[in-house]
Amino acid sequence: LMIHGQIGFPGSVGGTIREVMLRKNGGSVLALQRLTRDSVAGATNIYIQATAFDDSWAPGDYYEMVGYQDSGGALTVAGGASGTFLVVTHLP
């Protein structure tokens, strides 16, 4: 399987970290992508992508994408469905 996700964070001058994590079955971290202080400050949207491959999947497994930010307040996702998404593709 190929698991690919993107989270769009709106611009915010607070905080130093924006992060996207792909997990399997609520625990195992398959991928982690983090942007830190120099790249997150400002008024423009930030889009972070992560991709993972899992060749040991089984029926009943599930995948999730988790976003993290430390702006000091709630941030909505940016860009709607085209800016924030999770795609799982079975590769033969």
C-alpha atoms as a PDB file:
ATOM      1  CA  LEU A   1       0.000   0.000   0.000  1.00  0.00           C
ATOM      2  CA  MET A   2       1.017   3.582  -0.560  1.00  0.00           C
ATOM      3  CA  ILE A   3      -0.301   6.041   2.020  1.00  0.00           C
ATOM      4  CA  HIS A   4      -0.045   9.716   1.127  1.00  0.00           C
ATOM      5  CA  GLY A   5      -1.405  12.653   3.061  1.00  0.00           C
ATOM      6  CA  GLN A   6      -1.258  16.415   3.125  1.00  0.00           C
ATOM      7  CA  ILE A   7      -2.371  18.960   5.706  1.00  0.00           C
ATOM      8  CA  GLY A   8      -2.744  22.630   4.923  1.00  0.00           C
ATOM      9  CA  PHE A   9      -2.180  24.962   7.862  1.00  0.00           C
ATOM     10  CA  PRO A  10      -3.349  28.579   7.592  1.00  0.00           C
ATOM     11  CA  GLY A  11      -0.780  31.306   8.111  1.00  0.00           C
ATOM     12  CA  SER A  12      -0.133  32.198  11.743  1.00  0.00           C
ATOM     13  CA  VAL A  13       2.617  34.156  13.436  1.00  0.00           C
ATOM     14  CA  GLY A  14       2.431  31.995  16.579  1.00  0.00           C
ATOM     15  CA  GLY A  15       4.305  28.793  17.231  1.00  0.00           C
ATOM     16  CA  THR A  16       7.345  27.151  15.745  1.00  0.00           C
ATOM     17  CA  ILE A  17       6.133  23.706  14.587  1.00  0.00           C
ATOM     18  CA  ARG A  18       3.733  22.347  11.977  1.00  0.00           C
ATOM     19  CA  GLU A  19       3.637  18.585  11.548  1.00  0.00           C
ATOM     20  CA  VAL A  20       1.888  15.749   9.715  1.00  0.00           C
ATOM     21  CA  MET A  21       2.119  12.117  10.837  1.00  0.00           C
ATOM     22  CA  LEU A  22       0.825   8.957   9.164  1.00  0.00           C
ATOM     23  CA  ARG A  23      -0.060   6.143  11.571  1.00  0.00           C
ATOM     24  CA  LYS A  24      -1.181   2.541  11.277  1.00  0.00           C
ATOM     25  CA  ASN A  25      -3.805   1.067  13.628  1.00  0.00           C
ATOM     26  CA  GLY A  26      -3.614   4.062  15.947  1.00  0.00           C
ATOM     27  CA  GLY A  27      -0.027   3.541  16.977  1.00  0.00           C
ATOM     28  CA  SER A  28       2.779   2.685  14.577  1.00  0.00           C
ATOM     29  CA  VAL A  29       4.209   5.835  12.984  1.00  0.00           C
ATOM     30  CA  LEU A  30       4.810   5.185   9.291  1.00  0.00           C
ATOM     31  CA  ALA A  31       5.883   8.711   8.321  1.00  0.00           C
ATOM     32  CA  LEU A  32       6.504  12.050  10.003  1.00  0.00           C
ATOM     33  CA  GLN A  33       7.144  15.385   8.330  1.00  0.00           C
ATOM     34  CA  ARG A  34       7.861  18.495  10.414  1.00  0.00           C
ATOM     35  CA  LEU A  35       8.493  22.142   9.598  1.00  0.00           C
ATOM     36  CA  THR A  36      10.096  24.293  12.283  1.00  0.00           C
ATOM     37  CA  ARG A  37      10.343  27.968  13.236  1.00  0.00           C
ATOM     38  CA  ASP A  38      12.075  29.461  10.214  1.00  0.00           C
ATOM     39  CA  SER A  39       9.602  27.896   7.795  1.00  0.00           C
ATOM     40  CA  VAL A  40       6.265  28.359   9.633  1.00  0.00           C
ATOM     41  CA  ALA A  41       6.063  32.040  10.571  1.00  0.00           C
ATOM     42  CA  GLY A  42       4.053  34.290   8.287  1.00  0.00           C
ATOM     43  CA  ALA A  43       0.685  35.002   6.822  1.00  0.00           C
ATOM     44  CA  THR A  44       0.654  32.437   4.004  1.00  0.00           C
ATOM     45  CA  ASN A  45      -0.735  28.913   4.093  1.00  0.00           C
ATOM     46  CA  ILE A  46       1.702  26.041   4.644  1.00  0.00           C
ATOM     47  CA  TYR A  47       1.129  22.630   3.059  1.00  0.00           C
ATOM     48  CA  ILE A  48       2.982  19.612   4.466  1.00  0.00           C
ATOM     49  CA  GLN A  49       3.010  16.187   2.793  1.00  0.00           C
ATOM     50  CA  ALA A  50       4.046  12.750   4.031  1.00  0.00           C
ATOM     51  CA  THR A  51       4.218   9.438   2.151  1.00  0.00           C
ATOM     52  CA  ALA A  52       4.691   5.904   3.459  1.00  0.00           C
ATOM     53  CA  PHE A  53       4.626   2.382   2.048  1.00  0.00           C
ATOM     54  CA  ASP A  54       3.271  -0.631   3.952  1.00  0.00           C
ATOM     55  CA  ASP A  55       3.844  -4.111   2.547  1.00  0.00           C
ATOM     56  CA  SER A  56       2.648  -5.917   5.695  1.00  0.00           C
ATOM     57  CA  TRP A  57      -0.985  -4.812   5.776  1.00  0.00           C
ATOM     58  CA  ALA A  58      -3.838  -7.130   6.695  1.00  0.00           C
ATOM     59  CA  PRO A  59      -7.645  -6.992   6.600  1.00  0.00           C
ATOM     60  CA  GLY A  60      -8.864  -4.776   9.445  1.00  0.00           C
ATOM     61  CA  ASP A  61      -5.817  -2.469   9.459  1.00  0.00           C
ATOM     62  CA  TYR A  62      -6.570   1.230   9.355  1.00  0.00           C
ATOM     63  CA  TYR A  63      -4.507   4.297   8.585  1.00  0.00           C
ATOM     64  CA  GLU A  64      -4.838   7.814   9.890  1.00  0.00           C
ATOM     65  CA  MET A  65      -3.247  11.195   9.445  1.00  0.00           C
ATOM     66  CA  VAL A  66      -2.542  13.366  12.468  1.00  0.00           C
ATOM     67  CA  GLY A  67      -1.685  17.051  12.371  1.00  0.00           C
ATOM     68  CA  TYR A  68       0.123  19.012  15.063  1.00  0.00           C
ATOM     69  CA  GLN A  69       0.835  22.705  15.479  1.00  0.00           C
ATOM     70  CA  ASP A  70       1.953  24.826  18.417  1.00  0.00           C
ATOM     71  CA  SER A  71       0.578  28.265  17.549  1.00  0.00           C
ATOM     72  CA  GLY A  72      -0.998  28.617  20.984  1.00  0.00           C
ATOM     73  CA  GLY A  73      -4.546  28.469  19.599  1.00  0.00           C
ATOM     74  CA  ALA A  74      -6.762  26.431  17.329  1.00  0.00           C
ATOM     75  CA  LEU A  75      -5.998  26.501  13.600  1.00  0.00           C
ATOM     76  CA  THR A  76      -8.414  25.203  10.992  1.00  0.00           C
ATOM     77  CA  VAL A  77      -7.120  23.304   7.985  1.00  0.00           C
ATOM     78  CA  ALA A  78      -6.388  25.349   4.881  1.00  0.00           C
ATOM     79  CA  GLY A  79      -7.545  24.736   1.341  1.00  0.00           C
ATOM     80  CA  GLY A  80     -10.526  22.463   1.996  1.00  0.00           C
ATOM     81  CA  ALA A  81     -10.452  18.970   0.480  1.00  0.00           C
ATOM     82  CA  SER A  82      -7.807  19.955  -2.071  1.00  0.00           C
ATOM     83  CA  GLY A  83      -5.499  21.296   0.659  1.00  0.00           C
ATOM     84  CA  THR A  84      -5.942  18.558   3.250  1.00  0.00           C
ATOM     85  CA  PHE A  85      -6.381  14.921   2.240  1.00  0.00           C
ATOM     86  CA  LEU A  86      -5.381  11.303   2.881  1.00  0.00           C
ATOM     87  CA  VAL A  87      -5.072   8.766   0.047  1.00  0.00           C
ATOM     88  CA  VAL A  88      -4.418   5.016   0.417  1.00  0.00           C
ATOM     89  CA  THR A  89      -3.586   3.131  -2.795  1.00  0.00           C
ATOM     90  CA  HIS A  90      -3.202  -0.614  -3.208  1.00  0.00           C
ATOM     91  CA  LEU A  91      -0.117  -1.358  -5.285  1.00  0.00           C
ATOM     92  CA  PRO A  92      -0.076  -4.746  -7.040  1.00  0.00           C
END
